[in-house]
N, C-alpha and C. Protein backbone atom coordinates (compact mmCIF):
# COMPACT_ATOMS: atom_id res chain seq x y z
N MET A 1 -22.91 31.32 11.81
CA MET A 1 -21.87 30.40 11.43
C MET A 1 -22.52 29.06 11.11
N ALA A 2 -21.98 28.37 10.14
CA ALA A 2 -22.50 27.06 9.73
C ALA A 2 -22.29 26.05 10.85
N GLU A 3 -23.15 25.06 10.88
CA GLU A 3 -23.07 24.00 11.88
C GLU A 3 -21.78 23.20 11.67
N LEU A 4 -21.02 23.01 12.73
CA LEU A 4 -19.80 22.22 12.66
C LEU A 4 -20.13 20.77 12.98
N ARG A 5 -19.64 19.88 12.14
CA ARG A 5 -19.83 18.46 12.41
C ARG A 5 -18.55 17.90 13.01
N LYS A 6 -18.74 16.98 13.94
CA LYS A 6 -17.61 16.35 14.61
C LYS A 6 -16.72 15.66 13.59
N TYR A 7 -15.43 15.80 13.77
CA TYR A 7 -14.38 15.18 12.94
C TYR A 7 -14.29 15.75 11.52
N GLU A 8 -15.06 16.77 11.20
CA GLU A 8 -14.98 17.36 9.87
C GLU A 8 -13.89 18.41 9.86
N ARG A 9 -13.07 18.40 8.81
CA ARG A 9 -12.00 19.40 8.70
C ARG A 9 -12.59 20.79 8.51
N VAL A 10 -11.94 21.76 9.13
CA VAL A 10 -12.34 23.15 8.98
C VAL A 10 -11.17 23.86 8.33
N THR A 11 -11.35 24.33 7.10
CA THR A 11 -10.25 24.93 6.36
C THR A 11 -10.67 26.24 5.72
N GLY A 12 -9.69 26.96 5.22
CA GLY A 12 -9.93 28.17 4.43
C GLY A 12 -10.68 29.26 5.18
N ALA A 13 -11.61 29.86 4.47
CA ALA A 13 -12.37 30.99 5.01
C ALA A 13 -13.20 30.58 6.23
N GLU A 14 -13.70 29.36 6.23
CA GLU A 14 -14.50 28.88 7.36
C GLU A 14 -13.64 28.80 8.62
N ARG A 15 -12.39 28.35 8.47
CA ARG A 15 -11.48 28.27 9.62
C ARG A 15 -11.15 29.67 10.14
N GLU A 16 -10.90 30.61 9.24
CA GLU A 16 -10.60 31.98 9.65
C GLU A 16 -11.79 32.61 10.38
N LYS A 17 -12.98 32.34 9.88
CA LYS A 17 -14.19 32.86 10.51
C LYS A 17 -14.37 32.26 11.91
N LEU A 18 -14.12 30.96 12.04
CA LEU A 18 -14.22 30.29 13.34
C LEU A 18 -13.17 30.82 14.30
N LYS A 19 -11.94 31.03 13.82
CA LYS A 19 -10.88 31.59 14.66
C LYS A 19 -11.29 32.95 15.22
N GLU A 20 -11.83 33.81 14.36
CA GLU A 20 -12.25 35.14 14.79
C GLU A 20 -13.38 35.06 15.82
N ASP A 21 -14.33 34.16 15.60
CA ASP A 21 -15.45 33.99 16.53
C ASP A 21 -14.94 33.50 17.88
N LEU A 22 -14.07 32.49 17.87
CA LEU A 22 -13.52 31.97 19.13
C LEU A 22 -12.69 33.02 19.84
N ARG A 23 -11.88 33.76 19.08
CA ARG A 23 -11.06 34.82 19.68
C ARG A 23 -11.93 35.86 20.37
N ARG A 24 -13.00 36.28 19.70
CA ARG A 24 -13.91 37.29 20.25
C ARG A 24 -14.59 36.78 21.52
N ARG A 25 -15.08 35.56 21.47
CA ARG A 25 -15.78 34.99 22.63
C ARG A 25 -14.84 34.75 23.80
N TYR A 26 -13.60 34.32 23.52
CA TYR A 26 -12.62 34.10 24.57
C TYR A 26 -12.26 35.44 25.23
N ALA A 27 -12.09 36.48 24.43
CA ALA A 27 -11.79 37.81 24.96
C ALA A 27 -12.95 38.34 25.81
N ALA A 28 -14.17 37.91 25.50
CA ALA A 28 -15.34 38.34 26.25
C ALA A 28 -15.50 37.57 27.57
N GLY A 29 -14.66 36.54 27.78
CA GLY A 29 -14.67 35.86 29.07
C GLY A 29 -15.02 34.39 29.06
N GLU A 30 -15.40 33.82 27.92
CA GLU A 30 -15.70 32.39 27.89
C GLU A 30 -14.42 31.59 28.04
N SER A 31 -14.51 30.45 28.69
CA SER A 31 -13.34 29.59 28.86
C SER A 31 -13.14 28.73 27.62
N MET A 32 -11.96 28.16 27.49
CA MET A 32 -11.69 27.28 26.37
C MET A 32 -12.59 26.04 26.44
N ARG A 33 -12.87 25.57 27.62
CA ARG A 33 -13.75 24.41 27.78
C ARG A 33 -15.17 24.76 27.34
N GLN A 34 -15.65 25.95 27.68
CA GLN A 34 -16.98 26.37 27.24
C GLN A 34 -17.03 26.49 25.72
N LEU A 35 -15.98 27.04 25.13
CA LEU A 35 -15.93 27.18 23.68
C LEU A 35 -15.92 25.80 23.01
N ALA A 36 -15.15 24.87 23.57
CA ALA A 36 -15.09 23.52 23.01
C ALA A 36 -16.47 22.86 23.08
N SER A 37 -17.12 22.99 24.20
CA SER A 37 -18.43 22.37 24.37
C SER A 37 -19.47 22.97 23.42
N SER A 38 -19.48 24.28 23.29
CA SER A 38 -20.49 24.94 22.47
C SER A 38 -20.28 24.71 20.97
N THR A 39 -19.03 24.45 20.55
CA THR A 39 -18.76 24.22 19.14
C THR A 39 -18.74 22.74 18.79
N GLY A 40 -18.75 21.87 19.81
CA GLY A 40 -18.68 20.44 19.55
C GLY A 40 -17.30 19.98 19.14
N ARG A 41 -16.29 20.77 19.44
CA ARG A 41 -14.90 20.45 19.12
C ARG A 41 -14.13 20.15 20.39
N SER A 42 -12.95 19.59 20.23
CA SER A 42 -12.14 19.25 21.39
C SER A 42 -11.47 20.50 21.97
N TYR A 43 -11.05 20.37 23.22
CA TYR A 43 -10.31 21.42 23.89
C TYR A 43 -9.04 21.73 23.10
N GLY A 44 -8.36 20.69 22.62
CA GLY A 44 -7.11 20.87 21.86
C GLY A 44 -7.32 21.64 20.58
N PHE A 45 -8.44 21.38 19.89
CA PHE A 45 -8.74 22.09 18.65
C PHE A 45 -8.95 23.58 18.94
N VAL A 46 -9.74 23.87 19.97
CA VAL A 46 -10.00 25.27 20.34
C VAL A 46 -8.70 25.94 20.76
N HIS A 47 -7.90 25.25 21.55
CA HIS A 47 -6.60 25.78 21.99
C HIS A 47 -5.73 26.12 20.79
N ARG A 48 -5.67 25.22 19.82
CA ARG A 48 -4.85 25.42 18.63
C ARG A 48 -5.33 26.64 17.82
N LEU A 49 -6.64 26.78 17.64
CA LEU A 49 -7.15 27.91 16.87
C LEU A 49 -6.89 29.23 17.59
N LEU A 50 -7.05 29.24 18.91
CA LEU A 50 -6.75 30.47 19.65
C LEU A 50 -5.27 30.80 19.56
N GLU A 51 -4.44 29.79 19.61
CA GLU A 51 -2.99 29.99 19.47
C GLU A 51 -2.66 30.55 18.09
N GLU A 52 -3.28 30.00 17.04
CA GLU A 52 -3.07 30.48 15.68
C GLU A 52 -3.51 31.92 15.51
N SER A 53 -4.55 32.31 16.25
CA SER A 53 -5.07 33.67 16.10
C SER A 53 -4.30 34.68 16.95
N GLY A 54 -3.31 34.20 17.73
CA GLY A 54 -2.45 35.10 18.50
C GLY A 54 -3.04 35.60 19.80
N VAL A 55 -3.99 34.89 20.35
CA VAL A 55 -4.63 35.31 21.59
C VAL A 55 -3.69 35.10 22.76
N ALA A 56 -3.64 36.08 23.65
CA ALA A 56 -2.90 35.94 24.89
C ALA A 56 -3.81 35.20 25.86
N ARG A 57 -3.40 33.98 26.24
CA ARG A 57 -4.26 33.17 27.09
C ARG A 57 -4.25 33.65 28.53
N ARG A 58 -5.36 33.44 29.21
CA ARG A 58 -5.47 33.78 30.62
C ARG A 58 -4.81 32.70 31.45
N PRO A 59 -4.44 33.03 32.69
CA PRO A 59 -3.86 32.01 33.57
C PRO A 59 -4.87 30.91 33.89
N ARG A 60 -4.39 29.76 34.25
CA ARG A 60 -5.27 28.64 34.60
C ARG A 60 -6.02 28.91 35.89
N GLY A 61 -7.16 28.25 36.04
CA GLY A 61 -7.87 28.29 37.31
C GLY A 61 -9.17 29.05 37.29
N GLY A 62 -9.35 29.92 36.34
CA GLY A 62 -10.61 30.67 36.27
C GLY A 62 -10.80 31.63 37.42
N LYS A 63 -12.00 32.17 37.51
CA LYS A 63 -12.31 33.14 38.56
C LYS A 63 -12.53 32.41 39.88
N ARG A 64 -12.06 33.03 40.92
CA ARG A 64 -12.26 32.49 42.26
C ARG A 64 -12.74 33.61 43.15
N GLY A 65 -13.38 33.25 44.20
CA GLY A 65 -13.90 34.23 45.14
C GLY A 65 -12.85 34.74 46.10
N ARG A 66 -11.76 35.20 45.58
CA ARG A 66 -10.65 35.70 46.42
C ARG A 66 -10.97 37.08 46.95
N LYS A 67 -10.53 37.32 48.17
CA LYS A 67 -10.67 38.65 48.76
C LYS A 67 -9.54 39.52 48.26
N ASP A 68 -9.82 40.78 48.15
CA ASP A 68 -8.79 41.73 47.74
C ASP A 68 -7.79 41.89 48.86
N VAL A 69 -6.55 41.50 48.63
CA VAL A 69 -5.52 41.55 49.66
C VAL A 69 -5.24 42.96 50.10
N ALA A 70 -5.21 43.91 49.17
CA ALA A 70 -4.91 45.31 49.51
C ALA A 70 -6.01 45.89 50.40
N ALA A 71 -7.24 45.53 50.18
CA ALA A 71 -8.35 46.06 50.98
C ALA A 71 -8.34 45.46 52.38
N ALA A 72 -7.85 44.24 52.52
CA ALA A 72 -7.83 43.57 53.81
C ALA A 72 -6.72 44.11 54.72
N ALA A 73 -5.69 44.71 54.12
CA ALA A 73 -4.53 45.17 54.92
C ALA A 73 -4.76 46.51 55.54
C-alpha cells in the first residue's frame, strides 16, 4: 500500500483498498488504536472506514485475563 500522508484525502480506489486492509487487520485482532497508529491516521478516521466497510465492531475493553466462570463453578 502507498504511504499515507497526514491530512491527505484518501479517495476512490485507494480508499477502498485501505478499507479492505483495515477490515482484514481488524478481523485478525488488531485494535482500532493500533490501526490508527500504524497508518498515521486518527482513531475517528479508522472508525469511519471500518463502519463504511460494514465491520461488526468488538466490545470495548480489549482482552483481559479473566478466568473462565464455567470452569470455576
